[in-house]
Amino acid sequence: MPLPYVLLSAAVSLDGYLDDTGPDRLLLSSPADFDRVDEVRASVDAILVGAGTIRADNPRLLVNSDERRAARVAAGEAEYPLKATVSATGELDPAAAFWHTGGEKVLLTTDEGARHAHALGLAADVVPLGAALDWRAALEYLHDRRGVRRLMVEGGGTVHTQLLQQELADELQLVLAPLFVGDPDAPRLFGPGAYQGGRLRLVESRRIEDVVLTRYLPTAPGTGDRVTAADRHWLALACELAELCPPSGTAFSVGAVVVAADGSELARGHSREGSDPVVHAEEAALAKADPADPRLATATVYSSLEPCARRASRPAPCARLILDAGVRRVVTAWREPDTFVPGADGSGVLAAGGAVVVVLPEYEQRAKAPNRHLEG
């Protein structure tokens, strides 16, 4: 199921703390960075915090800029993003500022938590998700029922930790403040447990007064049919590569990326790349990978179009090339239509060879875009 783009936002001390243990909230960001956060809030569909953040900080979570709110309204959006929180118990202070400022609010909770929340009269839509909280179910609800495409998560540490460990976070925006807390009882940003393998990818580093903003994206693919945020990033890249293809009236424009289990990119390619007028995207990418590389056995091939099962231009179709390379996981956006090969079923060839094929239909339109000239 499609999920929102989940952006984790946090500020920490040099020694990794979110706050100290004093009675007042420790201000880690600079004034200019608070304004940046306000800009990010204005750009999203919803802002989410955990119940612990509401109890500890009593946040309002507003877009403070009049100009940014006016721009949202002019664009046909609500003045304020939806505010969401999660609580297994539903036991939250009905007088908290969260409920009484801004626009719409929603509490995502358990069946038991919903009963408590209704009894307290919380000023929000109360959504029970079952006997236990499930992050994927919560995100699916926000996407499907509330139209949330971009979700900003502002804490706390437990929420950030869970979303990262469950590989549901698409981006981490981390601000490093030039001070130390040094109190072992103070809250830290990330807790212990198993995180995704590999290194995150740094996409931005920026000084903002006396703090530093860093933005990271996850890179490690999922396993089997389990989809991670990184799978969506890599498939989006494959769709971008398809835009580089020289147009053809007799073949699709396709992009492909080969990614190791630790998130390392092994190779990329696109249809009709270089001087070869008939090369396919997966073929071009695999030709650049070392066939003796042991990482291919646990790698994922991302292709904007389902790998071909039959072709006239070369002896081996791309589905067979993928299997022969040892790859056993493929993520694609679009099943091959009958435009050139009736009854094409690359997924069936891959599955028969022991590979898992994952289709993310939310990327289908992006995959089709460079092939519009072939319609009709």
Protein backbone atom coordinates (compact mmCIF):
# COMPACT_ATOMS: atom_id res chain seq x y z
CA MET A 1 0.00 0.00 0.00
CA PRO A 2 1.26 3.54 -0.71
CA LEU A 3 2.54 5.41 2.34
CA PRO A 4 3.28 9.08 3.02
CA TYR A 5 6.78 10.44 2.58
CA VAL A 6 7.95 10.36 6.21
CA LEU A 7 10.36 13.12 7.20
CA LEU A 8 11.91 12.86 10.67
CA SER A 9 12.92 16.23 12.15
CA ALA A 10 14.96 16.68 15.33
CA ALA A 11 17.57 18.86 17.00
CA VAL A 12 20.17 17.36 19.32
CA SER A 13 23.11 18.42 21.45
CA LEU A 14 26.64 17.46 20.48
CA ASP A 15 26.34 14.45 22.77
CA GLY A 16 23.06 13.31 21.22
CA TYR A 17 20.42 14.55 23.66
CA LEU A 18 17.01 15.97 22.78
CA ASP A 19 16.59 17.84 26.05
CA ASP A 20 17.92 18.11 29.57
CA THR A 21 16.09 17.17 32.77
CA GLY A 22 15.23 20.71 33.82
CA PRO A 23 11.66 21.97 34.17
CA ASP A 24 11.81 24.02 30.96
CA ARG A 25 12.39 22.77 27.46
CA LEU A 26 16.00 23.10 26.32
CA LEU A 27 16.09 25.24 23.18
CA LEU A 28 18.58 23.60 20.84
CA SER A 29 17.81 25.35 17.54
CA SER A 30 18.71 28.90 16.56
CA PRO A 31 16.09 31.52 15.61
CA ALA A 32 16.89 31.06 11.92
CA ASP A 33 16.48 27.30 12.25
CA PHE A 34 13.13 27.69 13.99
CA ASP A 35 12.06 29.67 10.92
CA ARG A 36 13.33 26.85 8.68
CA VAL A 37 11.25 24.37 10.67
CA ASP A 38 8.25 26.65 10.19
CA GLU A 39 8.88 26.55 6.44
CA VAL A 40 9.03 22.76 6.46
CA ARG A 41 5.81 22.59 8.47
CA ALA A 42 4.10 24.77 5.89
CA SER A 43 5.19 22.39 3.12
CA VAL A 44 3.71 19.17 4.55
CA ASP A 45 0.24 17.71 4.81
CA ALA A 46 0.52 16.60 8.44
CA ILE A 47 2.75 16.92 11.49
CA LEU A 48 3.04 14.03 13.94
CA VAL A 49 4.41 13.72 17.48
CA GLY A 50 4.21 10.97 20.04
CA ALA A 51 2.16 11.16 23.19
CA GLY A 52 5.31 11.58 25.26
CA THR A 53 6.14 14.81 23.43
CA ILE A 54 2.70 16.21 24.17
CA ARG A 55 3.11 15.35 27.85
CA ALA A 56 6.66 16.68 28.15
CA ASP A 57 6.63 19.76 25.89
CA ASN A 58 2.96 20.72 25.44
CA PRO A 59 3.66 21.77 21.82
CA ARG A 60 1.29 23.71 19.59
CA LEU A 61 2.90 22.60 16.30
CA LEU A 62 1.70 25.57 14.27
CA VAL A 63 2.79 27.29 11.09
CA ASN A 64 3.65 30.65 12.64
CA SER A 65 4.26 32.69 9.49
CA ASP A 66 1.18 34.58 8.27
CA GLU A 67 2.61 34.57 4.74
CA ARG A 68 3.13 30.80 4.72
CA ARG A 69 -0.36 30.13 6.01
CA ALA A 70 -1.80 32.47 3.37
CA ALA A 71 0.17 30.65 0.69
CA ARG A 72 -1.29 27.32 1.84
CA VAL A 73 -4.82 28.72 1.61
CA ALA A 74 -4.12 30.24 -1.82
CA ALA A 75 -2.97 26.81 -2.98
CA GLY A 76 -6.27 25.28 -1.87
CA GLU A 77 -4.87 23.67 1.28
CA ALA A 78 -5.95 24.03 4.88
CA GLU A 79 -4.38 26.95 6.74
CA TYR A 80 -2.59 24.51 9.04
CA PRO A 81 -1.39 20.97 8.35
CA LEU A 82 -3.25 18.14 10.04
CA LYS A 83 -1.83 17.44 13.51
CA ALA A 84 -1.50 13.78 14.48
CA THR A 85 -0.35 11.95 17.57
CA VAL A 86 -0.04 8.31 18.57
CA SER A 87 -0.83 6.84 21.97
CA ALA A 88 -1.41 3.24 22.94
CA THR A 89 -3.33 4.23 26.07
CA GLY A 90 -5.23 7.29 24.85
CA GLU A 91 -4.53 8.86 28.23
CA LEU A 92 -3.63 12.42 27.31
CA ASP A 93 -4.42 15.75 28.93
CA PRO A 94 -7.54 17.17 27.27
CA ALA A 95 -6.30 20.68 28.15
CA ALA A 96 -3.00 20.30 26.24
CA ALA A 97 -2.30 23.03 23.68
CA PHE A 98 -2.05 20.40 20.94
CA TRP A 99 -5.84 19.97 20.89
CA HIS A 100 -6.78 23.64 21.03
CA THR A 101 -4.56 25.32 18.43
CA GLY A 102 -4.26 25.02 14.68
CA GLY A 103 -6.60 23.05 12.45
CA GLU A 104 -7.69 19.41 12.41
CA LYS A 105 -6.27 16.86 14.85
CA VAL A 106 -6.25 13.08 14.88
CA LEU A 107 -5.28 10.58 17.57
CA LEU A 108 -4.09 7.19 16.33
CA THR A 109 -4.51 4.68 19.11
CA THR A 110 -5.56 1.16 20.09
CA ASP A 111 -9.09 -0.09 20.62
CA GLU A 112 -8.63 0.25 24.39
CA GLY A 113 -6.96 3.65 23.97
CA ALA A 114 -9.91 4.88 21.94
CA ARG A 115 -12.25 4.12 24.83
CA HIS A 116 -10.07 6.14 27.19
CA ALA A 117 -9.76 9.01 24.72
CA HIS A 118 -13.50 9.22 24.19
CA ALA A 119 -14.06 9.20 27.94
CA LEU A 120 -11.62 12.11 28.31
CA GLY A 121 -13.35 14.07 25.54
CA LEU A 122 -10.18 14.79 23.57
CA ALA A 123 -10.78 17.39 20.86
CA ALA A 124 -9.67 15.20 17.96
CA ASP A 125 -10.74 12.46 15.61
CA VAL A 126 -9.96 9.26 17.52
CA VAL A 127 -8.90 6.38 15.27
CA PRO A 128 -8.55 2.88 16.78
CA LEU A 129 -6.08 0.72 14.88
CA GLY A 130 -6.67 -2.58 16.67
CA ALA A 131 -5.38 -4.30 19.79
CA ALA A 132 -1.87 -2.83 19.36
CA LEU A 133 -0.35 0.15 17.61
CA ASP A 134 0.97 -0.65 14.16
CA TRP A 135 3.04 2.01 12.43
CA ARG A 136 2.36 0.77 8.93
CA ALA A 137 -1.38 0.74 9.59
CA ALA A 138 -1.12 4.26 11.02
CA LEU A 139 0.71 5.54 7.94
CA GLU A 140 -1.70 3.77 5.59
CA TYR A 141 -4.61 5.45 7.40
CA LEU A 142 -3.01 8.89 7.08
CA HIS A 143 -2.29 8.33 3.38
CA ASP A 144 -5.56 6.70 2.33
CA ARG A 145 -8.11 8.32 4.63
CA ARG A 146 -6.61 11.74 5.30
CA GLY A 147 -4.77 12.39 2.03
CA VAL A 148 -1.37 12.81 3.67
CA ARG A 149 1.42 12.64 1.10
CA ARG A 150 4.16 14.32 3.15
CA LEU A 151 4.35 13.72 6.89
CA MET A 152 6.71 15.62 9.21
CA VAL A 153 7.52 13.76 12.44
CA GLU A 154 8.81 16.02 15.22
CA GLY A 155 9.40 13.50 17.99
CA GLY A 156 10.00 12.19 20.35
CA GLY A 157 12.94 9.86 20.42
CA THR A 158 10.83 6.72 20.78
CA VAL A 159 8.79 7.59 17.69
CA HIS A 160 11.88 8.42 15.66
CA THR A 161 13.55 5.20 16.77
CA GLN A 162 10.57 3.02 15.89
CA LEU A 163 10.08 4.53 12.44
CA LEU A 164 13.76 4.13 11.60
CA GLN A 165 13.99 0.60 12.96
CA GLN A 166 10.90 -0.40 10.99
CA GLU A 167 12.44 1.23 7.87
CA LEU A 168 9.46 3.54 7.37
CA ALA A 169 11.35 6.86 7.43
CA ASP A 170 12.15 8.42 4.05
CA GLU A 171 14.34 11.26 5.33
CA LEU A 172 16.10 12.40 8.49
CA GLN A 173 16.62 16.13 9.06
CA LEU A 174 18.98 16.46 11.99
CA VAL A 175 20.15 19.74 13.54
CA LEU A 176 23.29 19.63 15.67
CA ALA A 177 23.46 22.27 18.39
CA PRO A 178 26.81 23.46 19.86
CA LEU A 179 26.29 22.41 23.45
CA PHE A 180 26.52 19.39 25.72
CA VAL A 181 23.91 17.98 28.10
CA GLY A 182 25.86 15.17 29.76
CA ASP A 183 22.97 13.94 31.90
CA PRO A 184 22.40 10.17 31.53
CA ASP A 185 18.79 10.65 32.62
CA ALA A 186 18.03 13.11 29.83
CA PRO A 187 16.18 11.90 26.71
CA ARG A 188 18.26 10.84 23.74
CA LEU A 189 17.24 10.94 20.12
CA PHE A 190 17.69 7.27 19.25
CA GLY A 191 17.30 4.23 21.44
CA PRO A 192 18.93 0.80 21.27
CA GLY A 193 17.82 -1.92 18.88
CA ALA A 194 18.29 -3.17 15.35
CA TYR A 195 18.49 -0.53 12.64
CA GLN A 196 18.80 -0.94 8.88
CA GLY A 197 22.19 -2.00 7.60
CA GLY A 198 24.53 0.18 5.61
CA ARG A 199 25.20 3.88 5.62
CA LEU A 200 22.60 6.57 5.13
CA ARG A 201 23.20 8.96 2.24
CA LEU A 202 24.04 12.58 3.08
CA VAL A 203 22.14 14.86 0.71
CA GLU A 204 22.63 18.22 2.40
CA SER A 205 24.77 19.87 5.06
CA ARG A 206 24.09 23.51 5.88
CA ARG A 207 25.21 25.98 8.53
CA ILE A 208 22.31 27.96 10.03
CA GLU A 209 23.70 30.54 12.44
CA ASP A 210 25.45 28.43 15.11
CA VAL A 211 23.77 25.09 14.31
CA VAL A 212 24.30 22.65 11.45
CA LEU A 213 21.50 21.01 9.49
CA THR A 214 22.19 17.62 7.93
CA ARG A 215 19.76 15.71 5.76
CA TYR A 216 20.08 11.95 5.28
CA LEU A 217 18.21 9.40 3.19
CA PRO A 218 18.09 5.65 3.91
CA THR A 219 19.69 3.43 1.29
CA ALA A 220 19.24 -0.24 2.28
CA PRO A 221 16.68 -2.15 0.18
CA GLY A 222 14.00 -4.28 1.75
CA THR A 223 14.12 -8.05 1.75
CA GLY A 224 11.63 -10.33 0.03
CA ASP A 225 8.31 -8.59 -0.48
CA ARG A 226 8.87 -6.20 2.45
CA VAL A 227 9.06 -2.66 1.08
CA THR A 228 11.25 -0.04 2.75
CA ALA A 229 11.54 3.70 2.26
CA ALA A 230 14.82 3.09 0.43
CA ASP A 231 13.00 0.91 -2.12
CA ARG A 232 10.88 3.92 -3.03
CA HIS A 233 13.96 6.16 -3.37
CA TRP A 234 15.75 3.73 -5.68
CA LEU A 235 12.70 3.11 -7.84
CA ALA A 236 12.21 6.87 -8.17
CA LEU A 237 15.81 7.06 -9.41
CA ALA A 238 15.10 4.35 -11.98
CA CYS A 239 12.16 6.43 -13.22
CA GLU A 240 14.44 9.47 -13.49
CA LEU A 241 16.94 7.45 -15.53
CA ALA A 242 14.15 6.51 -17.94
CA GLU A 243 13.86 10.21 -18.80
CA LEU A 244 17.41 10.06 -20.22
CA CYS A 245 16.52 7.53 -22.92
CA PRO A 246 16.60 8.65 -26.55
CA PRO A 247 12.95 8.39 -27.66
CA SER A 248 11.98 5.44 -29.80
CA GLY A 249 8.84 4.44 -31.61
CA THR A 250 9.62 0.74 -31.30
CA ALA A 251 10.85 0.32 -27.71
CA PHE A 252 10.12 1.55 -24.21
CA SER A 253 12.20 4.08 -22.32
CA VAL A 254 13.30 2.39 -19.09
CA GLY A 255 15.74 3.10 -16.27
CA ALA A 256 17.37 0.57 -13.95
CA VAL A 257 19.57 0.55 -10.83
CA VAL A 258 21.33 -2.38 -9.14
CA VAL A 259 21.68 -1.90 -5.37
CA ALA A 260 23.49 -4.09 -2.83
CA ALA A 261 21.84 -5.14 0.42
CA ASP A 262 23.84 -2.54 2.35
CA GLY A 263 22.52 0.26 0.14
CA SER A 264 25.59 0.58 -2.10
CA GLU A 265 24.77 1.35 -5.70
CA LEU A 266 26.45 -1.27 -7.90
CA ALA A 267 25.39 -0.01 -11.33
CA ARG A 268 22.78 1.94 -13.24
CA GLY A 269 21.64 2.12 -16.85
CA HIS A 270 18.90 3.17 -19.22
CA SER A 271 17.49 2.03 -22.55
CA ARG A 272 19.53 2.84 -25.68
CA GLU A 273 22.38 4.08 -23.51
CA GLY A 274 25.61 5.13 -25.22
CA SER A 275 26.10 3.90 -28.77
CA ASP A 276 23.93 0.78 -28.47
CA PRO A 277 20.52 1.49 -30.05
CA VAL A 278 18.87 -1.69 -28.74
CA VAL A 279 20.32 -2.13 -25.25
CA HIS A 280 17.75 -2.44 -22.45
CA ALA A 281 18.07 -0.65 -19.12
CA GLU A 282 18.64 -3.74 -16.96
CA GLU A 283 21.07 -5.10 -19.53
CA ALA A 284 23.04 -1.83 -19.56
CA ALA A 285 23.19 -1.72 -15.77
CA LEU A 286 24.22 -5.36 -15.28
CA ALA A 287 26.94 -5.01 -17.91
CA LYS A 288 28.64 -2.47 -15.61
CA ALA A 289 28.52 -4.72 -12.54
CA ASP A 290 31.28 -7.20 -11.82
CA PRO A 291 29.70 -10.64 -12.48
CA ALA A 292 31.93 -12.10 -9.74
CA ASP A 293 30.71 -9.58 -7.15
CA PRO A 294 29.23 -11.69 -4.29
CA ARG A 295 26.89 -8.80 -3.43
CA LEU A 296 24.77 -9.56 -6.49
CA ALA A 297 23.26 -12.57 -4.72
CA THR A 298 21.55 -10.30 -2.19
CA ALA A 299 21.12 -7.26 -4.43
CA THR A 300 17.93 -5.69 -5.75
CA VAL A 301 17.34 -4.57 -9.32
CA TYR A 302 15.07 -1.53 -9.62
CA SER A 303 13.49 -1.13 -13.04
CA SER A 304 10.90 1.45 -14.05
CA LEU A 305 9.28 -1.19 -16.28
CA GLU A 306 8.90 -4.90 -15.63
CA PRO A 307 11.99 -6.69 -17.04
CA CYS A 308 11.25 -8.23 -20.42
CA ALA A 309 10.50 -11.94 -20.83
CA ARG A 310 11.04 -12.06 -24.59
CA ARG A 311 12.88 -9.85 -27.05
CA ALA A 312 13.88 -9.93 -30.71
CA SER A 313 17.01 -7.78 -30.54
CA ARG A 314 19.12 -10.04 -28.29
CA PRO A 315 19.19 -13.77 -27.38
CA ALA A 316 18.53 -13.27 -23.65
CA PRO A 317 15.69 -11.18 -22.23
CA CYS A 318 16.34 -9.00 -19.19
CA ALA A 319 14.50 -11.33 -16.81
CA ARG A 320 16.96 -14.08 -17.74
CA LEU A 321 19.96 -11.72 -17.46
CA ILE A 322 18.88 -10.80 -13.93
CA LEU A 323 18.56 -14.44 -12.90
CA ASP A 324 21.87 -15.35 -14.52
CA ALA A 325 23.54 -12.55 -12.55
CA GLY A 326 22.33 -14.17 -9.33
CA VAL A 327 19.92 -11.40 -8.36
CA ARG A 328 16.79 -12.66 -6.67
CA ARG A 329 14.85 -9.47 -5.91
CA VAL A 330 13.33 -7.00 -8.39
CA VAL A 331 11.29 -3.86 -7.69
CA THR A 332 9.37 -2.31 -10.57
CA ALA A 333 6.73 0.36 -11.14
CA TRP A 334 4.86 -0.86 -14.19
CA ARG A 335 3.92 -4.23 -15.66
CA GLU A 336 4.86 -4.46 -19.34
CA PRO A 337 1.84 -3.79 -21.59
CA ASP A 338 1.15 -5.64 -24.84
CA THR A 339 2.45 -2.76 -26.98
CA PHE A 340 5.33 -4.72 -28.51
CA VAL A 341 5.17 -8.20 -26.97
CA PRO A 342 1.68 -9.67 -26.39
CA GLY A 343 1.38 -11.56 -23.11
CA ALA A 344 4.70 -10.34 -21.75
CA ASP A 345 5.31 -11.75 -18.29
CA GLY A 346 8.79 -10.95 -17.05
CA SER A 347 7.57 -11.27 -13.49
CA GLY A 348 6.51 -14.83 -14.17
CA VAL A 349 9.95 -15.70 -15.57
CA LEU A 350 11.63 -14.13 -12.55
CA ALA A 351 9.33 -15.87 -10.08
CA ALA A 352 9.90 -19.23 -11.78
CA GLY A 353 13.62 -18.65 -11.31
CA GLY A 354 13.24 -18.03 -7.60
CA ALA A 355 13.19 -14.23 -7.60
CA VAL A 356 10.79 -12.02 -5.67
CA VAL A 357 9.11 -9.30 -7.73
CA VAL A 358 7.65 -6.27 -5.98
CA VAL A 359 5.44 -3.84 -7.90
CA LEU A 360 4.96 -0.31 -6.54
CA PRO A 361 2.05 1.01 -8.63
CA GLU A 362 2.27 4.48 -7.10
CA TYR A 363 5.27 5.03 -9.39
CA GLU A 364 3.51 3.80 -12.53
CA GLN A 365 2.70 7.26 -13.88
CA ARG A 366 6.30 8.38 -13.45
CA ALA A 367 7.46 5.28 -15.32
CA LYS A 368 4.97 5.90 -18.10
CA ALA A 369 5.85 9.59 -18.54
CA PRO A 370 8.80 9.14 -20.97
CA ASN A 371 6.70 6.65 -22.96
CA ARG A 372 3.65 8.84 -23.61
CA HIS A 373 4.49 9.03 -27.30
CA LEU A 374 3.79 5.29 -27.57
CA GLU A 375 0.18 5.56 -26.39
CA GLY A 376 -2.65 5.26 -28.83
